[in-house]
Protein backbone atom coordinates (compact mmCIF):
# COMPACT_ATOMS: atom_id res chain seq x y z
CA MET A 1 -24.59 9.47 1.81
CA HIS A 2 -24.14 11.08 -1.42
CA GLU A 3 -25.18 14.66 -1.73
CA LYS A 4 -27.67 14.95 -4.38
CA ILE A 5 -29.95 17.55 -5.95
CA HIS A 6 -33.55 16.93 -6.74
CA ARG A 7 -35.21 18.10 -9.90
CA ARG A 8 -38.40 17.19 -11.81
CA GLU A 9 -38.23 15.72 -15.26
CA LYS A 10 -41.38 14.57 -17.32
CA GLY A 11 -43.45 14.85 -13.93
CA VAL A 12 -40.99 12.56 -12.08
CA VAL A 13 -38.75 13.62 -9.29
CA THR A 14 -35.35 12.52 -9.94
CA GLU A 15 -31.97 12.71 -8.01
CA ARG A 16 -28.82 14.27 -9.69
CA ILE A 17 -25.13 13.97 -8.15
CA PRO A 18 -23.55 17.38 -8.55
CA THR A 19 -20.99 17.17 -11.36
CA ASN A 20 -18.06 18.19 -9.16
CA LEU A 21 -18.77 15.28 -6.99
CA ARG A 22 -18.98 12.55 -9.79
CA THR A 23 -15.42 11.82 -10.32
CA LEU A 24 -14.68 11.85 -6.50
CA LEU A 25 -17.40 9.34 -5.87
CA ILE A 26 -15.94 7.25 -8.64
CA LEU A 27 -12.67 7.29 -7.08
CA GLU A 28 -14.07 6.51 -3.58
CA ILE A 29 -15.83 3.37 -5.01
CA LEU A 30 -12.78 2.13 -6.38
CA GLY A 31 -10.80 3.04 -3.41
CA LYS A 32 -12.99 1.03 -1.11
CA SER A 33 -13.25 -2.12 -3.43
CA ASP A 34 -10.93 -5.03 -2.97
CA ARG A 35 -10.95 -5.85 -6.63
CA PRO A 36 -11.10 -4.05 -10.01
CA MET A 37 -14.52 -3.00 -11.29
CA THR A 38 -16.15 -2.35 -14.65
CA ALA A 39 -17.86 1.00 -15.23
CA THR A 40 -21.17 -0.80 -14.98
CA GLN A 41 -20.40 -2.23 -11.64
CA ILE A 42 -19.22 1.33 -10.37
CA ASN A 43 -22.45 2.82 -11.52
CA ASP A 44 -24.59 0.42 -9.91
CA GLN A 45 -23.80 2.43 -6.81
CA LEU A 46 -24.07 5.72 -8.50
CA GLY A 47 -27.02 5.53 -10.87
CA LEU A 48 -25.79 7.80 -13.32
CA PRO A 49 -26.45 7.57 -17.16
CA LYS A 50 -24.07 4.83 -18.52
CA GLN A 51 -22.35 7.00 -20.96
CA THR A 52 -21.23 9.49 -18.35
CA VAL A 53 -19.73 7.09 -16.10
CA HIS A 54 -17.80 5.39 -19.05
CA ARG A 55 -16.57 8.78 -20.03
CA LEU A 56 -15.56 9.70 -16.65
CA CYS A 57 -13.63 6.59 -16.14
CA ALA A 58 -11.89 6.92 -19.48
CA THR A 59 -10.98 10.48 -18.62
CA LEU A 60 -9.54 9.27 -15.33
CA GLU A 61 -7.45 6.67 -17.17
CA ASP A 62 -6.26 9.13 -19.74
CA ASN A 63 -4.85 11.24 -16.93
CA GLY A 64 -3.24 8.43 -14.83
CA PHE A 65 -5.71 7.99 -11.97
CA LEU A 66 -7.23 4.66 -13.18
CA THR A 67 -5.97 1.79 -15.27
CA ARG A 68 -7.37 -1.45 -16.88
CA PRO A 69 -5.27 -4.44 -16.20
CA GLY A 70 -4.53 -6.04 -19.60
CA ASN A 71 -6.64 -3.43 -21.31
CA GLY A 72 -9.71 -5.15 -20.07
CA LYS A 73 -13.07 -3.75 -19.06
CA GLN A 74 -12.33 -3.59 -15.49
CA TYR A 75 -10.89 -0.40 -13.99
CA GLN A 76 -8.42 -0.11 -10.78
CA ILE A 77 -6.46 2.69 -9.06
CA ALA A 78 -3.25 3.82 -10.90
CA ARG A 79 -0.13 5.74 -9.97
CA ARG A 80 -1.20 9.04 -9.67
CA LEU A 81 -4.29 8.09 -7.24
CA ARG A 82 -1.93 6.08 -5.25
CA GLU A 83 0.44 9.19 -4.94
CA LEU A 84 -2.48 11.48 -4.10
CA GLY A 85 -3.38 9.09 -1.27
CA SER A 86 0.06 8.89 0.12
CA GLY A 87 0.24 12.60 -0.27
CA LEU A 88 -2.74 13.34 1.83
CA LEU A 89 -1.59 11.00 4.48
CA HIS A 90 1.94 12.45 4.53
CA ASN A 91 0.56 16.15 4.84
CA SER A 92 -2.12 15.40 7.18
CA ARG A 93 -2.12 16.43 10.79
CA ASP A 94 -1.10 12.93 11.82
CA HIS A 95 2.16 13.19 10.29
CA VAL A 96 3.71 14.18 13.54
CA ALA A 97 2.04 11.49 15.44
CA ARG A 98 3.16 8.90 12.88
CA HIS A 99 6.51 10.10 12.91
CA GLN A 100 6.80 9.98 16.80
CA ILE A 101 5.61 6.33 16.61
CA LEU A 102 8.41 5.54 14.28
CA SER A 103 10.76 7.37 16.67
CA ASP A 104 9.74 5.22 19.61
CA ILE A 105 10.39 1.82 17.71
CA ALA A 106 13.94 3.36 16.59
CA GLU A 107 14.75 4.13 20.29
CA TYR A 108 13.51 0.62 21.31
CA VAL A 109 15.11 -1.39 18.58
CA GLY A 110 18.31 0.79 18.04
CA GLU A 111 18.05 0.59 14.26
CA THR A 112 16.63 2.57 11.33
CA VAL A 113 12.63 2.45 10.91
CA ASN A 114 10.79 2.80 7.80
CA TYR A 115 7.08 3.54 6.71
CA ALA A 116 6.76 2.24 3.20
CA VAL A 117 3.68 2.35 0.82
CA PRO A 118 3.22 0.38 -2.48
CA GLY A 119 3.77 2.67 -5.58
CA ASN A 120 4.32 1.91 -9.40
CA ASP A 121 7.66 0.17 -9.22
CA GLY A 122 7.94 -0.86 -5.73
CA MET A 123 7.60 0.20 -2.04
CA ASN A 124 8.25 3.82 -1.29
CA TYR A 125 9.69 5.11 1.75
CA LEU A 126 7.05 7.87 2.84
CA ASP A 127 8.65 8.27 6.20
CA ARG A 128 11.81 7.07 8.12
CA VAL A 129 13.73 7.52 11.35
CA GLU A 130 17.55 6.99 11.14
CA THR A 131 19.63 5.07 13.78
CA ASP A 132 22.19 6.95 15.42
CA TRP A 133 24.92 4.31 14.64
CA PRO A 134 27.69 5.69 12.33
CA PHE A 135 27.50 2.45 10.27
CA ARG A 136 23.88 2.41 8.75
CA ILE A 137 22.42 1.83 5.35
CA GLN A 138 21.32 4.85 3.48
CA LEU A 139 17.83 4.54 2.13
CA PRO A 140 16.18 8.06 2.44
CA ILE A 141 12.64 9.06 2.08
CA GLY A 142 11.51 8.85 -1.45
CA THR A 143 13.47 5.98 -2.08
CA SER A 144 11.74 3.00 -4.01
CA VAL A 145 12.67 -0.60 -3.28
CA PRO A 146 11.47 -3.73 -5.09
CA PHE A 147 8.63 -5.75 -4.15
CA HIS A 148 10.17 -9.24 -4.33
CA CYS A 149 13.26 -8.99 -2.11
CA THR A 150 12.24 -6.54 0.68
CA ALA A 151 10.35 -7.38 3.96
CA SER A 152 8.11 -4.14 3.29
CA GLY A 153 7.33 -5.31 -0.32
CA LYS A 154 6.68 -8.89 0.60
CA ALA A 155 4.40 -7.73 3.42
CA PHE A 156 2.45 -5.93 0.77
CA LEU A 157 2.41 -8.92 -1.74
CA ALA A 158 1.26 -11.18 0.91
CA SER A 159 -1.98 -8.81 1.67
CA LEU A 160 -3.02 -9.45 -2.00
CA ALA A 161 -5.75 -12.23 -2.70
CA PRO A 162 -4.04 -15.17 -4.40
CA ARG A 163 -5.09 -14.25 -7.97
CA GLN A 164 -3.82 -10.75 -7.66
CA GLN A 165 -0.52 -12.02 -6.26
CA GLN A 166 -0.06 -14.43 -9.19
CA THR A 167 -1.01 -11.64 -11.65
CA LEU A 168 1.51 -9.03 -10.18
CA ILE A 169 4.45 -11.45 -9.41
CA ASN A 170 4.00 -12.57 -13.32
CA SER A 171 4.38 -8.74 -14.16
CA LEU A 172 7.61 -8.36 -11.98
CA THR A 173 11.22 -8.66 -13.21
CA LEU A 174 12.46 -10.96 -10.32
CA LYS A 175 16.02 -9.46 -10.51
CA LYS A 176 18.69 -11.11 -8.51
CA MET A 177 20.02 -8.77 -5.96
CA THR A 178 21.95 -11.26 -3.87
CA ASP A 179 22.29 -14.98 -3.72
CA HIS A 180 19.30 -14.85 -1.33
CA THR A 181 16.77 -13.11 -3.79
CA HIS A 182 13.74 -14.94 -4.79
CA VAL A 183 14.11 -15.36 -8.80
CA VAL A 184 11.62 -18.11 -9.03
CA PRO A 185 7.95 -17.07 -8.83
CA GLN A 186 6.68 -20.26 -7.01
CA THR A 187 9.33 -19.89 -4.19
CA LEU A 188 8.16 -16.32 -3.54
CA LEU A 189 4.68 -17.31 -3.66
CA ASP A 190 5.31 -20.08 -1.07
CA GLU A 191 6.87 -17.54 1.07
CA LEU A 192 3.96 -15.22 0.78
CA ARG A 193 1.49 -17.87 2.12
CA LYS A 194 3.73 -18.14 5.31
CA ILE A 195 3.78 -14.38 5.76
CA ARG A 196 0.01 -14.05 5.42
CA LYS A 197 -0.33 -16.72 8.05
CA GLN A 198 2.35 -15.53 10.63
CA GLY A 199 1.69 -11.94 10.37
CA TYR A 200 5.00 -10.59 9.40
CA SER A 201 7.75 -10.78 6.79
CA ILE A 202 11.57 -10.86 6.94
CA ASP A 203 14.40 -10.02 4.49
CA ARG A 204 17.23 -12.62 4.72
CA GLU A 205 19.96 -10.42 3.04
CA GLU A 206 17.73 -10.52 -0.28
CA PHE A 207 18.02 -6.93 -1.12
CA LEU A 208 21.44 -6.06 0.21
CA GLU A 209 23.97 -8.35 1.38
CA GLY A 210 24.66 -7.92 5.02
CA MET A 211 21.23 -6.39 5.68
CA VAL A 212 18.32 -8.00 7.28
CA ALA A 213 14.82 -6.59 7.89
CA ILE A 214 11.41 -7.43 9.48
CA ALA A 215 8.16 -5.86 8.33
CA VAL A 216 4.39 -5.88 9.52
CA PRO A 217 1.34 -4.58 7.80
CA VAL A 218 -0.47 -1.30 8.66
CA LEU A 219 -4.17 -1.95 7.98
CA ASP A 220 -7.28 0.15 7.74
CA GLU A 221 -10.57 -0.38 9.53
CA GLN A 222 -11.55 -3.02 6.91
CA GLY A 223 -8.30 -4.96 7.28
CA ARG A 224 -6.97 -3.77 4.03
CA PHE A 225 -3.12 -3.08 3.70
CA LEU A 226 -2.10 0.70 3.86
CA ALA A 227 1.53 0.66 4.43
CA ALA A 228 4.31 -1.47 5.83
CA LEU A 229 6.16 -0.80 9.14
CA ALA A 230 9.62 -2.17 9.23
CA TYR A 231 13.23 -1.90 10.53
CA HIS A 232 16.61 -3.01 9.05
CA GLY A 233 19.89 -3.24 10.13
CA PRO A 234 23.37 -4.64 9.19
CA THR A 235 23.87 -8.37 10.42
CA GLN A 236 26.66 -7.19 12.54
CA ARG A 237 24.09 -5.76 14.93
CA VAL A 238 20.88 -7.56 13.98
CA SER A 239 20.08 -11.16 13.96
CA LEU A 240 16.72 -12.24 12.22
CA SER A 241 16.06 -14.35 15.47
CA GLU A 242 16.36 -11.34 17.54
CA ALA A 243 14.08 -9.26 15.06
CA ILE A 244 11.37 -11.98 15.15
CA ASP A 245 11.47 -11.88 18.98
CA ARG A 246 10.67 -8.18 18.90
CA LYS A 247 7.79 -8.41 16.48
CA ALA A 248 5.13 -8.11 18.99
CA PHE A 249 6.35 -4.50 19.77
CA LEU A 250 6.20 -3.93 16.08
CA VAL A 251 2.69 -5.33 15.70
CA ALA A 252 1.62 -3.15 18.57
CA ALA A 253 3.03 -0.04 16.89
CA ALA A 254 1.34 -0.80 13.54
CA GLU A 255 -1.98 -1.07 15.32
CA LYS A 256 -1.27 2.13 16.94
CA LEU A 257 -0.35 3.70 13.52
CA SER A 258 -3.63 2.43 12.21
CA LYS A 259 -5.92 4.09 14.76
CA THR A 260 -3.92 7.10 14.32
CA LEU A 261 -4.32 7.48 10.58
CA MET A 262 -7.96 6.35 10.82
CA GLN A 263 -8.90 8.82 13.38
CA GLY A 264 -8.60 11.73 10.64
CA VAL A 265 -10.60 9.86 7.97
C-alpha cells in the first residue's frame, strides 16, 4: 500500500504520493514486472500526472537505472539498478546464512561453489567458496563470466521468456572460448529449451578446456530468477554424470537459499 497524503483541490479530495517516494515506486513496479513497461503502463499503477512519470523515467534512464531497449518507449531495469539490488542482497544480514549454505555444498561436493547474478556483460560472482584442492580454477568474487558458455549464464538465459531470450542472444557476441562453445544462436536456443525443462544447466568445457560445471536457478517467491547456484571443477576430478547425479542436493540448497533471501524482503 502506497503511503499517500490527502489534500483538497477545487473542492475535491485527492491523494498525492510523497515526492521522495515516487522514484522508488517506479523502480518497485519495474522490478516486479516480468517485461518492459511504458511510462503510461507504469503510471496506471501510480496515478500521477503523466508528465511527472515521463520526467522521472527519463531521469532514471539518464542516470543508468533504467534503459529503453532499442530506444523504444518501454523501460526496463539497467546496470545501476541491478548492481544496487545485488549490493543490497550482498550486504544484508542474510549474507552470512547464504555463505554457510555455499560452504555446506562445497564440503559435500568437494569443489568450488559459486553464487552468480546477471550483470551487464555476463554473470557476476557475488559469493564463492573455494575448494581445498591445490589444483583449482581461480575465478574470484567480482569476476564476470559470459552468458553463452557457462552453466550459470545458461541457467539465467533459460529463465527468460522466448522473445527475451532471442533478443538477448541476438545482442551477444558468441565468442568461441573452446571447441565446445556455442557459436550458433539456434543451437544455444535449443539447449536453453532443454535447460528450462530439466531445471539445471551444465558447462561441457565450453568456457575453459578441462573444466565442467553444473548450475541451478535460485528463484524468488514469484518464481523469477534471482541468481545461479553452481559448482565447477577440473575434468580430472569431476565428471558431468557425477555432477548431474548430485543435482538434487544443489536444487535443495537453491530452495533453501531462496527462502533465506526472501525472509528479509
